[in-house]
Amino acid sequence: MTFLMAHHTDKGIQKKTNQDALLMKTADTAKGKVGLFVVCDGMGGLSHGELASATVVKTMSDWFDEELPGIIFSDNTEEAVVNQLTSCILGINEKIIAYGKSTGLRLGTTITALLIVNMQYYLLHIGDSRAYHIREQLRLLTKDQTLAAREVAKGNLTEEEARTDPRKNVLLQCIGATKTRILDVSVLTGAVESGAMYLLCSDGFHHRLSDEELLEHLYPGRFVREQDMKKKAVELIELVKNRQETDNISALLIKII
């Protein structure tokens, strides 16, 4: 197993800074290729969202280098990976909350993190960035943790209504800005499929693109080179900007070979 990878990020048509942060890291191990892919969307309504998202990415990168090598050779790799990744994210949350209190700053960020080890994926998620699996069909792997999504789950809104409901931008929780300090980290695991594409993106990317468009543009069979994936990521972000998306816009693509 190996990866084709590409990403692109843009501050968008209105924001002065880009508070999104991305991470792509791979390594060769005795158990094969491993990869960690992260998208964080710093909270635009908070004063230092870019610091929160950058802190998460830096800490996750260090975890990949320093902690993961020992974990993947444990007797129960799946349980160890989930526990240690979750612990890492909860630790980051405590760290950012403490920093905010000591400085008087308000910081927060989403996180969608995909770790691939031994043909198995581990997906951890907080907020409204998204992860998709793309093959013959498009499958959303994450659930938006927003007020609008909660109303959809209750049957008070349709999926179509939620796309334009202002509550789609109101998060139920995020790293660093959750009042109770208690985060409910969403965890999903599954088998990696050769030939599949994974898309991680901030809400600024997925708000302006339909599922049909994502499947059409990102169908895995279209891509045999990373350059082509990068070109497509840039093209789609320009399309989103032309549709007047005002948020930061980020997309990260991983194809399994």
C-alpha atoms as a PDB file:
ATOM      1  CA  MET A   1       0.000   0.000   0.000  1.00  0.00           C
ATOM      2  CA  THR A   2       1.090   3.524  -0.779  1.00  0.00           C
ATOM      3  CA  PHE A   3      -0.571   6.919  -1.106  1.00  0.00           C
ATOM      4  CA  LEU A   4      -1.116   9.592  -3.703  1.00  0.00           C
ATOM      5  CA  MET A   5      -1.623  12.864  -1.831  1.00  0.00           C
ATOM      6  CA  ALA A   6      -2.495  16.468  -2.583  1.00  0.00           C
ATOM      7  CA  HIS A   7      -3.886  19.462  -0.757  1.00  0.00           C
ATOM      8  CA  HIS A   8      -4.766  23.083  -1.271  1.00  0.00           C
ATOM      9  CA  THR A   9      -5.928  25.858   1.036  1.00  0.00           C
ATOM     10  CA  ASP A  10      -7.074  29.436   0.441  1.00  0.00           C
ATOM     11  CA  LYS A  11      -8.143  32.266   2.730  1.00  0.00           C
ATOM     12  CA  GLY A  12     -11.176  32.847   0.508  1.00  0.00           C
ATOM     13  CA  ILE A  13     -12.667  36.034  -0.868  1.00  0.00           C
ATOM     14  CA  GLN A  14     -13.334  37.859   2.397  1.00  0.00           C
ATOM     15  CA  LYS A  15     -11.112  36.765   5.297  1.00  0.00           C
ATOM     16  CA  LYS A  16      -7.825  38.575   5.936  1.00  0.00           C
ATOM     17  CA  THR A  17      -6.139  35.486   7.372  1.00  0.00           C
ATOM     18  CA  ASN A  18      -6.327  31.757   6.785  1.00  0.00           C
ATOM     19  CA  GLN A  19      -7.190  30.009  10.051  1.00  0.00           C
ATOM     20  CA  ASP A  20      -7.255  26.537   8.490  1.00  0.00           C
ATOM     21  CA  ALA A  21      -4.289  24.215   9.079  1.00  0.00           C
ATOM     22  CA  LEU A  22      -3.471  20.943   7.312  1.00  0.00           C
ATOM     23  CA  LEU A  23      -1.120  18.023   7.886  1.00  0.00           C
ATOM     24  CA  MET A  24       0.056  15.210   5.615  1.00  0.00           C
ATOM     25  CA  LYS A  25       2.681  12.819   6.992  1.00  0.00           C
ATOM     26  CA  THR A  26       3.713   9.344   5.882  1.00  0.00           C
ATOM     27  CA  ALA A  27       6.355   6.886   7.023  1.00  0.00           C
ATOM     28  CA  ASP A  28       7.650   3.445   6.081  1.00  0.00           C
ATOM     29  CA  THR A  29       7.588   0.905   8.908  1.00  0.00           C
ATOM     30  CA  ALA A  30       8.137  -2.832   9.322  1.00  0.00           C
ATOM     31  CA  LYS A  31       4.345  -3.127   9.136  1.00  0.00           C
ATOM     32  CA  GLY A  32       4.134  -1.151   5.908  1.00  0.00           C
ATOM     33  CA  LYS A  33       3.280   2.412   4.981  1.00  0.00           C
ATOM     34  CA  VAL A  34       1.457   4.564   7.529  1.00  0.00           C
ATOM     35  CA  GLY A  35      -0.070   7.994   7.027  1.00  0.00           C
ATOM     36  CA  LEU A  36      -1.626  10.766   9.115  1.00  0.00           C
ATOM     37  CA  PHE A  37      -3.839  13.379   7.475  1.00  0.00           C
ATOM     38  CA  VAL A  38      -5.443  16.262   9.378  1.00  0.00           C
ATOM     39  CA  VAL A  39      -7.662  19.243   8.586  1.00  0.00           C
ATOM     40  CA  CYS A  40      -8.298  21.858  11.288  1.00  0.00           C
ATOM     41  CA  ASP A  41     -10.545  24.886  10.887  1.00  0.00           C
ATOM     42  CA  GLY A  42      -9.724  27.621  13.401  1.00  0.00           C
ATOM     43  CA  MET A  43     -12.788  29.422  14.677  1.00  0.00           C
ATOM     44  CA  GLY A  44     -13.266  32.597  12.655  1.00  0.00           C
ATOM     45  CA  GLY A  45     -15.331  34.207  15.401  1.00  0.00           C
ATOM     46  CA  LEU A  46     -12.568  33.771  17.964  1.00  0.00           C
ATOM     47  CA  SER A  47      -9.547  36.012  18.230  1.00  0.00           C
ATOM     48  CA  HIS A  48      -6.773  33.483  17.573  1.00  0.00           C
ATOM     49  CA  GLY A  49      -8.297  30.604  15.645  1.00  0.00           C
ATOM     50  CA  GLU A  50      -5.166  30.212  13.537  1.00  0.00           C
ATOM     51  CA  LEU A  51      -3.081  29.632  16.676  1.00  0.00           C
ATOM     52  CA  ALA A  52      -5.442  26.879  17.831  1.00  0.00           C
ATOM     53  CA  SER A  53      -5.442  25.063  14.480  1.00  0.00           C
ATOM     54  CA  ALA A  54      -1.654  25.360  14.122  1.00  0.00           C
ATOM     55  CA  THR A  55      -1.164  24.021  17.661  1.00  0.00           C
ATOM     56  CA  VAL A  56      -3.280  20.963  16.909  1.00  0.00           C
ATOM     57  CA  VAL A  57      -1.397  20.206  13.688  1.00  0.00           C
ATOM     58  CA  LYS A  58       2.020  20.617  15.357  1.00  0.00           C
ATOM     59  CA  THR A  59       1.046  18.375  18.281  1.00  0.00           C
ATOM     60  CA  MET A  60      -0.405  15.704  15.982  1.00  0.00           C
ATOM     61  CA  SER A  61       2.764  15.786  13.874  1.00  0.00           C
ATOM     62  CA  ASP A  62       4.899  15.263  16.980  1.00  0.00           C
ATOM     63  CA  TRP A  63       2.623  12.393  18.085  1.00  0.00           C
ATOM     64  CA  PHE A  64       3.096  10.697  14.708  1.00  0.00           C
ATOM     65  CA  ASP A  65       6.885  10.931  15.002  1.00  0.00           C
ATOM     66  CA  GLU A  66       7.296  10.123  18.688  1.00  0.00           C
ATOM     67  CA  GLU A  67       4.371   7.986  19.866  1.00  0.00           C
ATOM     68  CA  LEU A  68       2.954   6.081  16.897  1.00  0.00           C
ATOM     69  CA  PRO A  69       6.050   3.930  16.186  1.00  0.00           C
ATOM     70  CA  GLY A  70       5.680   2.189  19.550  1.00  0.00           C
ATOM     71  CA  ILE A  71       1.910   1.858  19.313  1.00  0.00           C
ATOM     72  CA  ILE A  72       1.723   0.040  15.973  1.00  0.00           C
ATOM     73  CA  PHE A  73       3.746  -2.877  17.350  1.00  0.00           C
ATOM     74  CA  SER A  74       1.529  -3.369  20.406  1.00  0.00           C
ATOM     75  CA  ASP A  75      -0.470  -6.593  20.880  1.00  0.00           C
ATOM     76  CA  ASN A  76      -3.790  -4.809  20.333  1.00  0.00           C
ATOM     77  CA  THR A  77      -2.947  -2.198  17.722  1.00  0.00           C
ATOM     78  CA  GLU A  78      -6.501  -1.030  17.033  1.00  0.00           C
ATOM     79  CA  GLU A  79      -7.398  -0.375  20.662  1.00  0.00           C
ATOM     80  CA  ALA A  80      -4.016   1.223  21.358  1.00  0.00           C
ATOM     81  CA  VAL A  81      -4.239   3.554  18.362  1.00  0.00           C
ATOM     82  CA  VAL A  82      -7.767   4.711  19.222  1.00  0.00           C
ATOM     83  CA  ASN A  83      -6.923   5.253  22.886  1.00  0.00           C
ATOM     84  CA  GLN A  84      -3.682   7.099  22.234  1.00  0.00           C
ATOM     85  CA  LEU A  85      -5.070   9.280  19.455  1.00  0.00           C
ATOM     86  CA  THR A  86      -8.068  10.215  21.583  1.00  0.00           C
ATOM     87  CA  SER A  87      -5.792  10.948  24.530  1.00  0.00           C
ATOM     88  CA  CYS A  88      -3.643  13.165  22.317  1.00  0.00           C
ATOM     89  CA  ILE A  89      -6.655  15.202  21.189  1.00  0.00           C
ATOM     90  CA  LEU A  90      -8.016  15.548  24.728  1.00  0.00           C
ATOM     91  CA  GLY A  91      -4.568  16.681  25.859  1.00  0.00           C
ATOM     92  CA  ILE A  92      -4.475  19.329  23.136  1.00  0.00           C
ATOM     93  CA  ASN A  93      -7.890  20.551  24.260  1.00  0.00           C
ATOM     94  CA  GLU A  94      -6.694  20.973  27.859  1.00  0.00           C
ATOM     95  CA  LYS A  95      -3.551  22.724  26.654  1.00  0.00           C
ATOM     96  CA  ILE A  96      -5.431  25.243  24.509  1.00  0.00           C
ATOM     97  CA  ILE A  97      -8.036  25.926  27.212  1.00  0.00           C
ATOM     98  CA  ALA A  98      -5.256  26.574  29.748  1.00  0.00           C
ATOM     99  CA  TYR A  99      -3.408  28.855  27.336  1.00  0.00           C
ATOM    100  CA  GLY A 100      -6.568  30.816  26.622  1.00  0.00           C
ATOM    101  CA  LYS A 101      -7.233  31.308  30.326  1.00  0.00           C
ATOM    102  CA  SER A 102      -3.677  32.451  31.044  1.00  0.00           C
ATOM    103  CA  THR A 103      -3.607  34.943  28.162  1.00  0.00           C
ATOM    104  CA  GLY A 104      -7.223  36.054  28.034  1.00  0.00           C
ATOM    105  CA  LEU A 105      -7.464  34.872  24.417  1.00  0.00           C
ATOM    106  CA  ARG A 106     -10.370  32.951  22.914  1.00  0.00           C
ATOM    107  CA  LEU A 107      -9.147  30.047  20.803  1.00  0.00           C
ATOM    108  CA  GLY A 108     -10.878  27.157  19.131  1.00  0.00           C
ATOM    109  CA  THR A 109     -10.624  24.774  16.204  1.00  0.00           C
ATOM    110  CA  THR A 110     -12.268  21.773  14.613  1.00  0.00           C
ATOM    111  CA  ILE A 111     -10.291  18.641  13.816  1.00  0.00           C
ATOM    112  CA  THR A 112     -10.803  15.831  11.347  1.00  0.00           C
ATOM    113  CA  ALA A 113      -7.897  13.378  11.497  1.00  0.00           C
ATOM    114  CA  LEU A 114      -7.412  10.240   9.391  1.00  0.00           C
ATOM    115  CA  LEU A 115      -4.718   7.751  10.376  1.00  0.00           C
ATOM    116  CA  ILE A 116      -4.001   4.780   8.100  1.00  0.00           C
ATOM    117  CA  VAL A 117      -2.094   1.782   9.518  1.00  0.00           C
ATOM    118  CA  ASN A 118      -1.973  -1.823   8.266  1.00  0.00           C
ATOM    119  CA  MET A 119      -4.787  -1.295   5.704  1.00  0.00           C
ATOM    120  CA  GLN A 120      -6.985   0.014   8.519  1.00  0.00           C
ATOM    121  CA  TYR A 121      -8.182   3.585   8.946  1.00  0.00           C
ATOM    122  CA  TYR A 122      -8.854   5.458  12.170  1.00  0.00           C
ATOM    123  CA  LEU A 123     -10.944   8.605  11.867  1.00  0.00           C
ATOM    124  CA  LEU A 124     -11.281  11.056  14.757  1.00  0.00           C
ATOM    125  CA  HIS A 125     -13.522  14.064  14.462  1.00  0.00           C
ATOM    126  CA  ILE A 126     -14.701  17.156  16.358  1.00  0.00           C
ATOM    127  CA  GLY A 127     -16.681  19.991  14.753  1.00  0.00           C
ATOM    128  CA  ASP A 128     -17.891  20.469  11.186  1.00  0.00           C
ATOM    129  CA  SER A 129     -14.927  19.744   8.968  1.00  0.00           C
ATOM    130  CA  ARG A 130     -15.622  16.556   7.029  1.00  0.00           C
ATOM    131  CA  ALA A 131     -14.167  13.283   5.786  1.00  0.00           C
ATOM    132  CA  TYR A 132     -15.516  11.457   2.731  1.00  0.00           C
ATOM    133  CA  HIS A 133     -14.815   8.030   1.235  1.00  0.00           C
ATOM    134  CA  ILE A 134     -15.054   8.027  -2.556  1.00  0.00           C
ATOM    135  CA  ARG A 135     -15.123   4.996  -4.814  1.00  0.00           C
ATOM    136  CA  GLU A 136     -18.111   4.056  -6.946  1.00  0.00           C
ATOM    137  CA  GLN A 137     -20.195   6.116  -4.532  1.00  0.00           C
ATOM    138  CA  LEU A 138     -19.564   9.093  -2.270  1.00  0.00           C
ATOM    139  CA  ARG A 139     -19.896   8.322   1.436  1.00  0.00           C
ATOM    140  CA  LEU A 140     -19.745  10.913   4.209  1.00  0.00           C
ATOM    141  CA  LEU A 141     -17.813   9.387   7.106  1.00  0.00           C
ATOM    142  CA  THR A 142     -18.254  12.180   9.652  1.00  0.00           C
ATOM    143  CA  LYS A 143     -21.294  13.829  11.206  1.00  0.00           C
ATOM    144  CA  ASP A 144     -21.397  17.606  11.491  1.00  0.00           C
ATOM    145  CA  GLN A 145     -21.482  18.643  15.140  1.00  0.00           C
ATOM    146  CA  THR A 146     -23.632  21.733  14.583  1.00  0.00           C
ATOM    147  CA  LEU A 147     -27.000  23.031  15.733  1.00  0.00           C
ATOM    148  CA  ALA A 148     -28.411  22.543  12.240  1.00  0.00           C
ATOM    149  CA  ALA A 149     -27.244  18.913  12.089  1.00  0.00           C
ATOM    150  CA  ARG A 150     -28.818  18.284  15.487  1.00  0.00           C
ATOM    151  CA  GLU A 151     -32.126  19.656  14.201  1.00  0.00           C
ATOM    152  CA  VAL A 152     -31.894  17.330  11.193  1.00  0.00           C
ATOM    153  CA  ALA A 153     -31.336  14.378  13.537  1.00  0.00           C
ATOM    154  CA  LYS A 154     -34.429  15.410  15.509  1.00  0.00           C
ATOM    155  CA  GLY A 155     -36.499  15.589  12.333  1.00  0.00           C
ATOM    156  CA  ASN A 156     -37.007  19.355  12.587  1.00  0.00           C
ATOM    157  CA  LEU A 157     -35.011  20.152   9.431  1.00  0.00           C
ATOM    158  CA  THR A 158     -34.379  18.355   6.158  1.00  0.00           C
ATOM    159  CA  GLU A 159     -30.846  17.908   4.837  1.00  0.00           C
ATOM    160  CA  GLU A 160     -31.643  20.428   2.102  1.00  0.00           C
ATOM    161  CA  GLU A 161     -32.958  22.998   4.583  1.00  0.00           C
ATOM    162  CA  ALA A 162     -29.883  22.548   6.759  1.00  0.00           C
ATOM    163  CA  ARG A 163     -27.598  23.569   3.882  1.00  0.00           C
ATOM    164  CA  THR A 164     -28.912  27.152   4.073  1.00  0.00           C
ATOM    165  CA  ASP A 165     -29.893  27.304   7.746  1.00  0.00           C
ATOM    166  CA  PRO A 166     -27.693  29.806   9.671  1.00  0.00           C
ATOM    167  CA  ARG A 167     -27.341  27.273  12.479  1.00  0.00           C
ATOM    168  CA  LYS A 168     -25.073  25.214  10.225  1.00  0.00           C
ATOM    169  CA  ASN A 169     -22.278  27.536  11.369  1.00  0.00           C
ATOM    170  CA  VAL A 170     -22.940  27.091  15.107  1.00  0.00           C
ATOM    171  CA  LEU A 171     -20.762  24.329  16.549  1.00  0.00           C
ATOM    172  CA  LEU A 172     -21.863  22.116  19.417  1.00  0.00           C
ATOM    173  CA  GLN A 173     -18.230  21.598  20.409  1.00  0.00           C
ATOM    174  CA  CYS A 174     -14.694  22.282  19.256  1.00  0.00           C
ATOM    175  CA  ILE A 175     -11.169  21.958  20.603  1.00  0.00           C
ATOM    176  CA  GLY A 176     -10.302  24.765  23.022  1.00  0.00           C
ATOM    177  CA  ALA A 177     -13.674  26.471  23.288  1.00  0.00           C
ATOM    178  CA  THR A 178     -15.877  23.810  24.877  1.00  0.00           C
ATOM    179  CA  LYS A 179     -17.129  25.252  28.153  1.00  0.00           C
ATOM    180  CA  THR A 180     -17.237  21.996  30.096  1.00  0.00           C
ATOM    181  CA  ARG A 181     -13.740  20.822  28.998  1.00  0.00           C
ATOM    182  CA  ILE A 182     -15.381  17.476  28.183  1.00  0.00           C
ATOM    183  CA  LEU A 183     -15.077  16.614  24.499  1.00  0.00           C
ATOM    184  CA  ASP A 184     -17.004  13.826  22.827  1.00  0.00           C
ATOM    185  CA  VAL A 185     -14.461  12.670  20.256  1.00  0.00           C
ATOM    186  CA  SER A 186     -16.169  10.875  17.380  1.00  0.00           C
ATOM    187  CA  VAL A 187     -14.196   7.761  16.390  1.00  0.00           C
ATOM    188  CA  LEU A 188     -14.707   5.586  13.315  1.00  0.00           C
ATOM    189  CA  THR A 189     -12.546   2.687  12.140  1.00  0.00           C
ATOM    190  CA  GLY A 190     -12.684   0.582   9.017  1.00  0.00           C
ATOM    191  CA  ALA A 191     -10.786  -1.304   6.343  1.00  0.00           C
ATOM    192  CA  VAL A 192      -8.880   0.671   3.721  1.00  0.00           C
ATOM    193  CA  GLU A 193      -9.767  -0.181   0.127  1.00  0.00           C
ATOM    194  CA  SER A 194      -7.170  -0.105  -2.615  1.00  0.00           C
ATOM    195  CA  GLY A 195      -8.212   2.389  -5.273  1.00  0.00           C
ATOM    196  CA  ALA A 196     -10.365   4.456  -2.922  1.00  0.00           C
ATOM    197  CA  MET A 197     -10.081   8.204  -2.433  1.00  0.00           C
ATOM    198  CA  TYR A 198     -10.445   9.997   0.889  1.00  0.00           C
ATOM    199  CA  LEU A 199     -11.330  13.687   1.064  1.00  0.00           C
ATOM    200  CA  LEU A 200     -10.812  15.768   4.200  1.00  0.00           C
ATOM    201  CA  CYS A 201     -12.089  19.336   4.002  1.00  0.00           C
ATOM    202  CA  SER A 202     -13.131  22.388   5.972  1.00  0.00           C
ATOM    203  CA  ASP A 203     -16.738  23.565   5.894  1.00  0.00           C
ATOM    204  CA  GLY A 204     -15.796  26.392   3.549  1.00  0.00           C
ATOM    205  CA  PHE A 205     -15.109  23.729   0.920  1.00  0.00           C
ATOM    206  CA  HIS A 206     -18.138  21.464   1.318  1.00  0.00           C
ATOM    207  CA  HIS A 207     -20.758  24.198   1.804  1.00  0.00           C
ATOM    208  CA  ARG A 208     -20.696  25.147  -1.888  1.00  0.00           C
ATOM    209  CA  LEU A 209     -20.367  21.726  -3.520  1.00  0.00           C
ATOM    210  CA  SER A 210     -23.040  19.067  -3.890  1.00  0.00           C
ATOM    211  CA  ASP A 211     -22.421  15.376  -3.324  1.00  0.00           C
ATOM    212  CA  GLU A 212     -22.951  14.801  -7.040  1.00  0.00           C
ATOM    213  CA  GLU A 213     -20.259  17.339  -7.905  1.00  0.00           C
ATOM    214  CA  LEU A 214     -17.798  15.852  -5.428  1.00  0.00           C
ATOM    215  CA  LEU A 215     -18.248  12.369  -6.881  1.00  0.00           C
ATOM    216  CA  GLU A 216     -17.961  13.620 -10.454  1.00  0.00           C
ATOM    217  CA  HIS A 217     -14.811  15.677  -9.866  1.00  0.00           C
ATOM    218  CA  LEU A 218     -13.055  13.351  -7.419  1.00  0.00           C
ATOM    219  CA  TYR A 219     -13.873   9.930  -8.853  1.00  0.00           C
ATOM    220  CA  PRO A 220     -10.682   7.976  -8.018  1.00  0.00           C
ATOM    221  CA  GLY A 221     -10.270   6.466 -11.478  1.00  0.00           C
ATOM    222  CA  ARG A 222      -9.513   9.927 -12.862  1.00  0.00           C
ATOM    223  CA  PHE A 223      -6.242  10.228 -10.964  1.00  0.00           C
ATOM    224  CA  VAL A 224      -2.926   8.445 -11.467  1.00  0.00           C
ATOM    225  CA  ARG A 225      -0.600  11.335 -10.516  1.00  0.00           C
ATOM    226  CA  GLU A 226      -0.404  13.636  -7.519  1.00  0.00           C
ATOM    227  CA  GLN A 227      -0.069  16.589  -9.890  1.00  0.00           C
ATOM    228  CA  ASP A 228      -3.527  15.871 -11.273  1.00  0.00           C
ATOM    229  CA  MET A 229      -4.995  15.647  -7.774  1.00  0.00           C
ATOM    230  CA  LYS A 230      -3.395  18.965  -6.829  1.00  0.00           C
ATOM    231  CA  LYS A 231      -4.733  20.593  -9.986  1.00  0.00           C
ATOM    232  CA  LYS A 232      -8.237  19.342  -9.188  1.00  0.00           C
ATOM    233  CA  ALA A 233      -8.052  20.612  -5.588  1.00  0.00           C
ATOM    234  CA  VAL A 234      -7.060  24.066  -6.836  1.00  0.00           C
ATOM    235  CA  GLU A 235      -9.802  23.992  -9.478  1.00  0.00           C
ATOM    236  CA  LEU A 236     -12.508  23.084  -6.962  1.00  0.00           C
ATOM    237  CA  ILE A 237     -11.428  25.746  -4.489  1.00  0.00           C
ATOM    238  CA  GLU A 238     -11.536  28.357  -7.254  1.00  0.00           C
ATOM    239  CA  LEU A 239     -15.045  27.121  -8.103  1.00  0.00           C
ATOM    240  CA  VAL A 240     -16.076  27.500  -4.465  1.00  0.00           C
ATOM    241  CA  LYS A 241     -14.665  31.046  -4.388  1.00  0.00           C
ATOM    242  CA  ASN A 242     -16.578  31.908  -7.558  1.00  0.00           C
ATOM    243  CA  ARG A 243     -19.715  30.765  -5.741  1.00  0.00           C
ATOM    244  CA  GLN A 244     -19.006  33.467  -3.165  1.00  0.00           C
ATOM    245  CA  GLU A 245     -17.870  31.329  -0.242  1.00  0.00           C
ATOM    246  CA  THR A 246     -16.620  33.772   2.407  1.00  0.00           C
ATOM    247  CA  ASP A 247     -14.869  31.317   4.732  1.00  0.00           C
ATOM    248  CA  ASN A 248     -11.369  29.867   4.499  1.00  0.00           C
ATOM    249  CA  ILE A 249     -11.351  26.885   2.124  1.00  0.00           C
ATOM    250  CA  SER A 250      -9.227  23.738   2.445  1.00  0.00           C
ATOM    251  CA  ALA A 251      -9.179  20.272   0.895  1.00  0.00           C
ATOM    252  CA  LEU A 252      -6.859  17.304   1.372  1.00  0.00           C
ATOM    253  CA  LEU A 253      -6.975  14.283  -0.956  1.00  0.00           C
ATOM    254  CA  ILE A 254      -5.565  10.802  -0.368  1.00  0.00           C
ATOM    255  CA  LYS A 255      -5.789   7.987  -2.916  1.00  0.00           C
ATOM    256  CA  ILE A 256      -4.889   4.463  -1.809  1.00  0.00           C
ATOM    257  CA  ILE A 257      -2.663   2.580  -4.253  1.00  0.00           C
END
